[in-house]
Amino acid sequence: MMCAVASPSLLAHPAPFSFLDVHLGAGALSGRLVVHNPDVAYELKTESAQTLADAAIVAKHAPAIAALLGPRLRFFVDGREVRWSATSVRPLADQDAVEILWTTPVQGLVGRLTISADLFPYDVAHQTFVNVYERGAIMRQEVLNHDRVSVDFFSGTRQGLLAVFTAFTASGIHHIAIGPDHILFVIGLLLLGGSLRRLLAIVTAFTLGHSVTLALATLQIVDPPARLIEPAIALSIVFVGADNLLSGSKGRDVRAWAALAFGLVHGFGFASVLRDAGLPNRALGLSLFSFNLGVEIGQAIIVIVVATGLAMIRRRNPQVAKSIAIAGSIAVTIAGAYWFVERVFA
């Protein structure tokens, strides 16, 4: 409850922050925005911030204030932008601030609400405290700043649950698609090929491993620091590449066990991304399941493409397939070593 408790008292002092309330209602969004006089005066180039304590002066500047903040405070309902309009602009003399009451109509029930606020970009220290209410109860509190200008809120409706499923599944797929370390680890596990049963065992072991730690870290039951996890992920890639090069001479295959063990490490990496996405407390289980499903979909695409391609090459020319496995394993090992050094000493 930090935002709700701290903001009114802090507003009494000149400080680089604003205060935003957002209420989800039937057919409309509405709320209250409080901004400091010095920020408004600077942007409007008025003679003095103190003049904004006068109701007549504020009324005169009301259209300019709304025009200034309109493009900087944006709302998206299920991916579609809705424009807000000010219904009241008045001074809060005791808080050295201006209060803007606003509203915007929406069609149907809100599933996913995205709030974007970069109110005073000239001040990189500026923060916007956001409170989101649904049915009169506060459901989400966030702080937006120069580095984080937007936040997503998922309502408690059926549309909100569907939005959670869609958004977090897409996020899981996206994370795999842009994660070269995870992709290279999976490819490294597939380079030596094997029977369908063997490949399924490897993929299942990796899935089991990262699913366990993804849940533990997301629920903050076990949460090791990133400075340990990121180098460990790089080491897992080194191990897979090196093991591929050594396994041929030793006639053993420990890929399933390696996938399970290092899957535990990779799961912690996935969890950091999931937490940054802003988990909806009322749909924590669904968001966790959806993100993991997205990861599995992305992983399955990689497995199908790589395993199928390698199998085709192996059937047509086993010697070429062997050369690809050796060269690929060397590349995997070098990449993992590079990432390890980079992450330890960066």
Protein backbone atom coordinates (compact mmCIF):
# COMPACT_ATOMS: atom_id res chain seq x y z
CA MET A 1 0.00 0.00 0.00
CA MET A 2 3.03 2.24 -0.37
CA CYS A 3 1.57 4.45 -3.09
CA ALA A 4 -1.73 5.12 -1.39
CA VAL A 5 -0.17 5.85 1.97
CA ALA A 6 2.90 7.80 0.93
CA SER A 7 1.66 9.91 -1.94
CA PRO A 8 -0.64 12.41 -0.19
CA SER A 9 2.01 13.37 2.36
CA LEU A 10 4.79 13.51 -0.19
CA LEU A 11 2.75 15.73 -2.45
CA ALA A 12 3.06 18.49 0.12
CA HIS A 13 6.72 18.90 -0.82
CA PRO A 14 8.36 19.81 -4.13
CA ALA A 15 9.39 16.45 -5.51
CA PRO A 16 9.71 14.95 -8.99
CA PHE A 17 6.66 12.70 -8.99
CA SER A 18 2.98 12.57 -9.89
CA PHE A 19 0.06 10.60 -8.55
CA LEU A 20 -2.41 8.70 -10.76
CA ASP A 21 -5.62 6.89 -9.78
CA VAL A 22 -7.33 4.69 -12.37
CA HIS A 23 -10.83 3.29 -11.79
CA LEU A 24 -12.22 0.51 -13.96
CA GLY A 25 -15.97 0.88 -14.32
CA ALA A 26 -18.77 -0.41 -16.52
CA GLY A 27 -18.29 1.21 -19.91
CA ALA A 28 -15.69 3.73 -18.76
CA LEU A 29 -12.32 4.40 -17.23
CA SER A 30 -12.01 7.34 -14.90
CA GLY A 31 -9.57 8.70 -12.43
CA ARG A 32 -7.52 11.43 -10.90
CA LEU A 33 -4.10 12.78 -11.85
CA VAL A 34 -2.13 15.02 -9.52
CA VAL A 35 0.93 16.82 -10.88
CA HIS A 36 3.26 19.30 -9.21
CA ASN A 37 3.06 23.00 -9.94
CA PRO A 38 6.81 23.35 -10.68
CA ASP A 39 6.57 20.64 -13.37
CA VAL A 40 3.50 22.20 -14.97
CA ALA A 41 4.94 25.71 -14.77
CA TYR A 42 8.20 24.62 -16.37
CA GLU A 43 6.40 22.93 -19.28
CA LEU A 44 3.93 25.80 -19.82
CA LYS A 45 6.66 28.41 -19.27
CA THR A 46 4.55 30.38 -16.83
CA GLU A 47 6.11 33.18 -14.82
CA SER A 48 5.93 31.40 -11.47
CA ALA A 49 4.77 28.04 -10.14
CA GLN A 50 3.10 29.86 -7.25
CA THR A 51 0.54 31.38 -9.62
CA LEU A 52 -0.91 27.90 -10.17
CA ALA A 53 -2.31 28.01 -6.64
CA ASP A 54 -4.88 30.47 -7.98
CA ALA A 55 -8.06 28.78 -9.26
CA ALA A 56 -8.61 31.47 -11.91
CA ILE A 57 -5.08 31.03 -13.27
CA VAL A 58 -5.46 27.25 -13.35
CA ALA A 59 -8.82 27.55 -15.12
CA LYS A 60 -7.16 29.78 -17.72
CA HIS A 61 -4.41 27.22 -18.31
CA ALA A 62 -6.68 24.16 -18.06
CA PRO A 63 -6.86 23.52 -21.84
CA ALA A 64 -3.08 23.86 -22.14
CA ILE A 65 -2.52 21.50 -19.20
CA ALA A 66 -4.83 18.89 -20.71
CA ALA A 67 -3.19 19.29 -24.11
CA LEU A 68 0.25 18.92 -22.53
CA LEU A 69 -0.53 15.74 -20.60
CA GLY A 70 -2.90 14.12 -23.11
CA PRO A 71 -0.19 12.57 -25.32
CA ARG A 72 1.95 11.68 -22.30
CA LEU A 73 -0.68 9.72 -20.40
CA ARG A 74 -2.08 6.97 -22.58
CA PHE A 75 -4.45 4.06 -22.00
CA PHE A 76 -4.80 0.91 -24.11
CA VAL A 77 -7.74 -1.42 -23.58
CA ASP A 78 -7.04 -4.89 -25.01
CA GLY A 79 -4.46 -3.36 -27.34
CA ARG A 80 -6.64 -0.49 -28.56
CA GLU A 81 -5.85 3.05 -27.43
CA VAL A 82 -8.63 5.01 -25.76
CA ARG A 83 -8.32 8.78 -25.39
CA TRP A 84 -9.06 10.39 -22.06
CA SER A 85 -10.48 13.84 -21.50
CA ALA A 86 -10.30 16.14 -18.48
CA THR A 87 -13.57 16.80 -16.67
CA SER A 88 -12.06 19.06 -14.02
CA VAL A 89 -8.78 20.90 -13.51
CA ARG A 90 -8.26 22.67 -10.19
CA PRO A 91 -5.43 23.71 -7.89
CA LEU A 92 -4.49 21.87 -4.71
CA ALA A 93 -2.91 24.84 -2.98
CA ASP A 94 -1.94 22.95 0.17
CA GLN A 95 -0.08 20.37 -1.92
CA ASP A 96 1.57 22.74 -4.44
CA ALA A 97 -0.12 20.72 -7.17
CA VAL A 98 -2.83 20.63 -9.80
CA GLU A 99 -5.54 17.97 -9.81
CA ILE A 100 -7.02 16.72 -13.09
CA LEU A 101 -10.13 14.55 -13.00
CA TRP A 102 -10.49 12.58 -16.22
CA THR A 103 -12.64 9.96 -17.92
CA THR A 104 -12.77 7.92 -21.12
CA PRO A 105 -15.49 5.61 -22.45
CA VAL A 106 -14.69 1.97 -23.25
CA GLN A 107 -16.67 -0.65 -25.10
CA GLY A 108 -17.53 -3.77 -23.14
CA LEU A 109 -15.53 -5.17 -20.25
CA VAL A 110 -11.83 -4.47 -19.88
CA GLY A 111 -9.57 -7.50 -20.13
CA ARG A 112 -6.07 -6.02 -20.32
CA LEU A 113 -5.40 -2.38 -19.49
CA THR A 114 -2.04 -0.90 -20.42
CA ILE A 115 -1.15 2.39 -18.71
CA SER A 116 1.65 4.43 -20.26
CA ALA A 117 2.85 7.51 -18.40
CA ASP A 118 5.88 9.61 -19.28
CA LEU A 119 4.48 12.85 -17.94
CA PHE A 120 7.55 15.06 -17.66
CA PRO A 121 10.32 13.56 -19.79
CA TYR A 122 12.59 16.56 -19.25
CA ASP A 123 13.14 15.27 -15.69
CA VAL A 124 14.69 11.79 -15.73
CA ALA A 125 14.12 11.49 -11.97
CA HIS A 126 10.37 11.96 -12.26
CA GLN A 127 8.15 9.12 -11.02
CA THR A 128 4.45 8.43 -11.41
CA PHE A 129 2.73 6.52 -8.61
CA VAL A 130 -0.15 4.50 -10.05
CA ASN A 131 -3.10 2.98 -8.18
CA VAL A 132 -5.58 0.84 -10.12
CA TYR A 133 -9.05 0.24 -8.66
CA GLU A 134 -11.67 -2.29 -9.70
CA ARG A 135 -15.17 -2.21 -8.19
CA GLY A 136 -13.90 0.39 -5.74
CA ALA A 137 -11.10 -1.79 -4.35
CA ILE A 138 -7.43 -1.11 -5.01
CA MET A 139 -6.01 -4.00 -7.04
CA ARG A 140 -2.60 -2.87 -8.27
CA GLN A 141 0.06 -0.36 -7.28
CA GLU A 142 3.06 0.49 -9.41
CA VAL A 143 5.70 3.16 -9.84
CA LEU A 144 6.53 4.29 -13.38
CA ASN A 145 9.68 6.21 -14.21
CA HIS A 146 12.03 7.21 -17.01
CA ASP A 147 13.15 3.59 -17.52
CA ARG A 148 9.74 1.97 -17.07
CA VAL A 149 6.97 4.01 -18.63
CA SER A 150 4.15 1.47 -18.87
CA VAL A 151 2.42 -1.26 -16.92
CA ASP A 152 -0.25 -3.86 -17.70
CA PHE A 153 -3.26 -4.58 -15.52
CA PHE A 154 -5.51 -7.60 -16.02
CA SER A 155 -9.06 -7.35 -14.75
CA GLY A 156 -10.83 -10.04 -12.75
CA THR A 157 -13.30 -10.72 -15.55
CA ARG A 158 -13.39 -13.63 -18.00
CA GLN A 159 -11.87 -11.26 -20.55
CA GLY A 160 -9.08 -10.54 -18.08
CA LEU A 161 -8.26 -14.24 -17.64
CA LEU A 162 -8.21 -14.73 -21.40
CA ALA A 163 -5.91 -11.71 -21.72
CA VAL A 164 -3.58 -13.20 -19.08
CA PHE A 165 -3.41 -16.49 -20.97
CA THR A 166 -2.78 -14.82 -24.31
CA ALA A 167 -0.24 -12.28 -23.04
CA PHE A 168 1.88 -14.64 -20.96
CA THR A 169 1.86 -17.43 -23.55
CA ALA A 170 3.12 -14.92 -26.11
CA SER A 171 5.70 -13.67 -23.60
CA GLY A 172 7.05 -17.20 -23.12
CA ILE A 173 7.37 -17.76 -26.86
CA HIS A 174 9.03 -14.35 -27.27
CA HIS A 175 11.52 -15.04 -24.49
CA ILE A 176 12.68 -18.25 -26.14
CA ALA A 177 12.85 -16.55 -29.53
CA ILE A 178 15.13 -13.76 -28.26
CA GLY A 179 17.18 -15.91 -25.86
CA PRO A 180 20.22 -17.16 -27.78
CA ASP A 181 21.63 -18.90 -24.70
CA HIS A 182 18.51 -21.02 -24.19
CA ILE A 183 18.27 -21.76 -27.91
CA LEU A 184 21.93 -22.81 -28.10
CA PHE A 185 21.55 -25.05 -25.06
CA VAL A 186 18.63 -26.89 -26.67
CA ILE A 187 20.44 -27.16 -30.03
CA GLY A 188 23.51 -28.53 -28.24
CA LEU A 189 21.38 -31.28 -26.73
CA LEU A 190 20.11 -32.27 -30.19
CA LEU A 191 23.36 -32.26 -32.18
CA LEU A 192 24.20 -35.93 -31.57
CA GLY A 193 20.72 -37.02 -32.63
CA GLY A 194 19.32 -40.33 -31.41
CA SER A 195 16.08 -42.24 -31.45
CA LEU A 196 12.74 -40.52 -31.05
CA ARG A 197 12.49 -41.98 -27.57
CA ARG A 198 15.89 -40.62 -26.61
CA LEU A 199 15.12 -37.13 -27.92
CA LEU A 200 11.76 -37.09 -26.12
CA ALA A 201 13.50 -38.08 -22.88
CA ILE A 202 15.99 -35.22 -23.28
CA VAL A 203 13.35 -32.61 -24.05
CA THR A 204 11.06 -33.86 -21.26
CA ALA A 205 13.90 -33.73 -18.75
CA PHE A 206 14.70 -30.14 -19.67
CA THR A 207 11.02 -29.20 -19.44
CA LEU A 208 10.68 -30.83 -16.03
CA GLY A 209 13.79 -29.11 -14.71
CA HIS A 210 12.97 -25.56 -15.77
CA SER A 211 9.28 -25.91 -14.86
CA VAL A 212 10.16 -26.73 -11.25
CA THR A 213 12.51 -23.81 -10.68
CA LEU A 214 10.36 -21.41 -12.71
CA ALA A 215 7.53 -22.03 -10.26
CA LEU A 216 9.77 -21.91 -7.17
CA ALA A 217 11.44 -18.65 -8.17
CA THR A 218 8.25 -16.97 -9.37
CA LEU A 219 6.58 -17.77 -6.04
CA GLN A 220 9.78 -16.54 -4.31
CA ILE A 221 10.29 -19.83 -2.51
CA VAL A 222 13.83 -20.11 -3.91
CA ASP A 223 15.31 -17.06 -5.58
CA PRO A 224 19.07 -17.12 -6.26
CA PRO A 225 20.60 -13.88 -7.57
CA ALA A 226 21.03 -13.28 -11.30
CA ARG A 227 24.79 -12.79 -10.84
CA LEU A 228 24.99 -16.54 -10.10
CA ILE A 229 22.31 -17.82 -12.46
CA GLU A 230 23.42 -16.08 -15.65
CA PRO A 231 27.03 -17.43 -15.53
CA ALA A 232 25.63 -20.85 -14.57
CA ILE A 233 23.45 -20.84 -17.70
CA ALA A 234 26.54 -20.08 -19.76
CA LEU A 235 28.41 -22.95 -18.08
CA SER A 236 25.55 -25.30 -18.94
CA ILE A 237 26.12 -24.48 -22.60
CA VAL A 238 29.85 -25.14 -22.25
CA PHE A 239 29.12 -28.50 -20.61
CA VAL A 240 26.73 -29.62 -23.35
CA GLY A 241 29.15 -28.69 -26.14
CA ALA A 242 32.14 -30.30 -24.43
CA ASP A 243 30.17 -33.42 -23.54
CA ASN A 244 29.12 -33.84 -27.16
CA LEU A 245 32.78 -33.83 -28.19
CA LEU A 246 33.78 -36.35 -25.52
CA SER A 247 30.79 -38.67 -25.54
CA GLY A 248 31.66 -40.27 -28.90
CA SER A 249 34.95 -41.64 -27.59
CA LYS A 250 33.48 -42.77 -24.28
CA GLY A 251 30.31 -44.27 -25.73
CA ARG A 252 27.95 -42.74 -23.17
CA ASP A 253 24.96 -40.43 -23.38
CA VAL A 254 24.13 -38.30 -20.32
CA ARG A 255 22.16 -35.65 -22.22
CA ALA A 256 18.89 -36.41 -20.44
CA TRP A 257 20.50 -36.02 -17.02
CA ALA A 258 22.29 -32.85 -18.13
CA ALA A 259 19.01 -31.47 -19.48
CA LEU A 260 17.30 -32.15 -16.15
CA ALA A 261 20.10 -30.69 -14.01
CA PHE A 262 20.72 -27.61 -16.11
CA GLY A 263 17.01 -27.19 -16.75
CA LEU A 264 16.79 -26.29 -13.07
CA VAL A 265 19.27 -23.47 -13.71
CA HIS A 266 17.53 -22.21 -16.85
CA GLY A 267 14.22 -22.10 -14.99
CA PHE A 268 15.60 -19.43 -12.68
CA GLY A 269 16.52 -17.41 -15.77
CA PHE A 270 12.98 -17.73 -17.12
CA ALA A 271 11.57 -16.63 -13.76
CA SER A 272 13.40 -13.30 -13.82
CA VAL A 273 11.71 -12.45 -17.10
CA LEU A 274 8.30 -13.56 -15.81
CA ARG A 275 8.59 -11.40 -12.70
CA ASP A 276 9.56 -8.37 -14.79
CA ALA A 277 6.36 -8.84 -16.80
CA GLY A 278 4.31 -7.99 -13.69
CA LEU A 279 2.41 -11.01 -12.43
CA PRO A 280 -1.32 -10.52 -11.79
CA ASN A 281 -1.91 -11.70 -8.23
CA ARG A 282 -5.43 -12.92 -8.92
CA ALA A 283 -4.26 -15.07 -11.82
CA LEU A 284 -0.82 -16.09 -10.61
CA GLY A 285 -1.29 -19.76 -11.42
CA LEU A 286 -2.67 -19.02 -14.87
CA SER A 287 0.11 -16.58 -15.72
CA LEU A 288 2.75 -19.09 -14.57
CA PHE A 289 1.15 -21.89 -16.59
CA SER A 290 0.72 -19.68 -19.67
CA PHE A 291 4.32 -18.43 -19.64
CA ASN A 292 5.64 -21.96 -19.26
CA LEU A 293 3.36 -23.10 -22.08
CA GLY A 294 4.79 -20.36 -24.27
CA VAL A 295 8.32 -21.46 -23.43
CA GLU A 296 7.39 -25.04 -24.35
CA ILE A 297 5.85 -23.95 -27.65
CA GLY A 298 8.98 -21.99 -28.57
CA GLN A 299 11.18 -24.87 -27.48
CA ALA A 300 9.07 -27.39 -29.44
CA ILE A 301 9.46 -25.35 -32.61
CA ILE A 302 13.25 -25.35 -32.19
CA VAL A 303 13.32 -29.09 -31.48
CA ILE A 304 11.14 -29.98 -34.48
CA VAL A 305 13.13 -27.83 -36.92
CA VAL A 306 16.62 -28.80 -35.69
CA ALA A 307 15.96 -32.49 -34.99
CA THR A 308 14.17 -32.98 -38.31
CA GLY A 309 16.92 -31.20 -40.26
CA LEU A 310 19.70 -33.18 -38.59
CA ALA A 311 17.84 -36.47 -39.08
CA MET A 312 17.43 -35.80 -42.80
CA ILE A 313 21.13 -35.01 -43.17
CA ARG A 314 22.07 -38.08 -41.14
CA ARG A 315 20.02 -40.38 -43.37
CA ARG A 316 21.49 -38.96 -46.58
CA ASN A 317 25.10 -38.54 -45.49
CA PRO A 318 26.13 -39.76 -42.02
CA GLN A 319 29.65 -38.36 -42.41
CA VAL A 320 28.36 -34.84 -43.09
CA ALA A 321 26.03 -35.16 -40.11
CA LYS A 322 28.97 -36.17 -37.92
CA SER A 323 30.98 -33.17 -39.12
CA ILE A 324 28.05 -30.85 -38.37
CA ALA A 325 27.75 -32.33 -34.86
CA ILE A 326 31.46 -31.77 -34.18
CA ALA A 327 31.55 -28.25 -35.62
CA GLY A 328 28.29 -27.35 -33.91
CA SER A 329 29.52 -28.64 -30.55
CA ILE A 330 32.73 -26.61 -30.85
CA ALA A 331 30.68 -23.51 -31.65
CA VAL A 332 28.36 -24.18 -28.69
CA THR A 333 31.32 -24.58 -26.34
CA ILE A 334 33.00 -21.37 -27.52
CA ALA A 335 29.78 -19.36 -27.29
CA GLY A 336 29.08 -20.64 -23.78
CA ALA A 337 32.63 -19.82 -22.66
CA TYR A 338 32.34 -16.31 -24.11
CA TRP A 339 29.04 -15.68 -22.30
CA PHE A 340 30.49 -17.04 -19.05
CA VAL A 341 33.45 -14.67 -19.14
CA GLU A 342 31.23 -11.77 -20.18
CA ARG A 343 28.72 -12.39 -17.37
CA VAL A 344 31.31 -12.92 -14.67
CA PHE A 345 33.51 -9.93 -15.46
CA ALA A 346 31.02 -7.50 -17.01
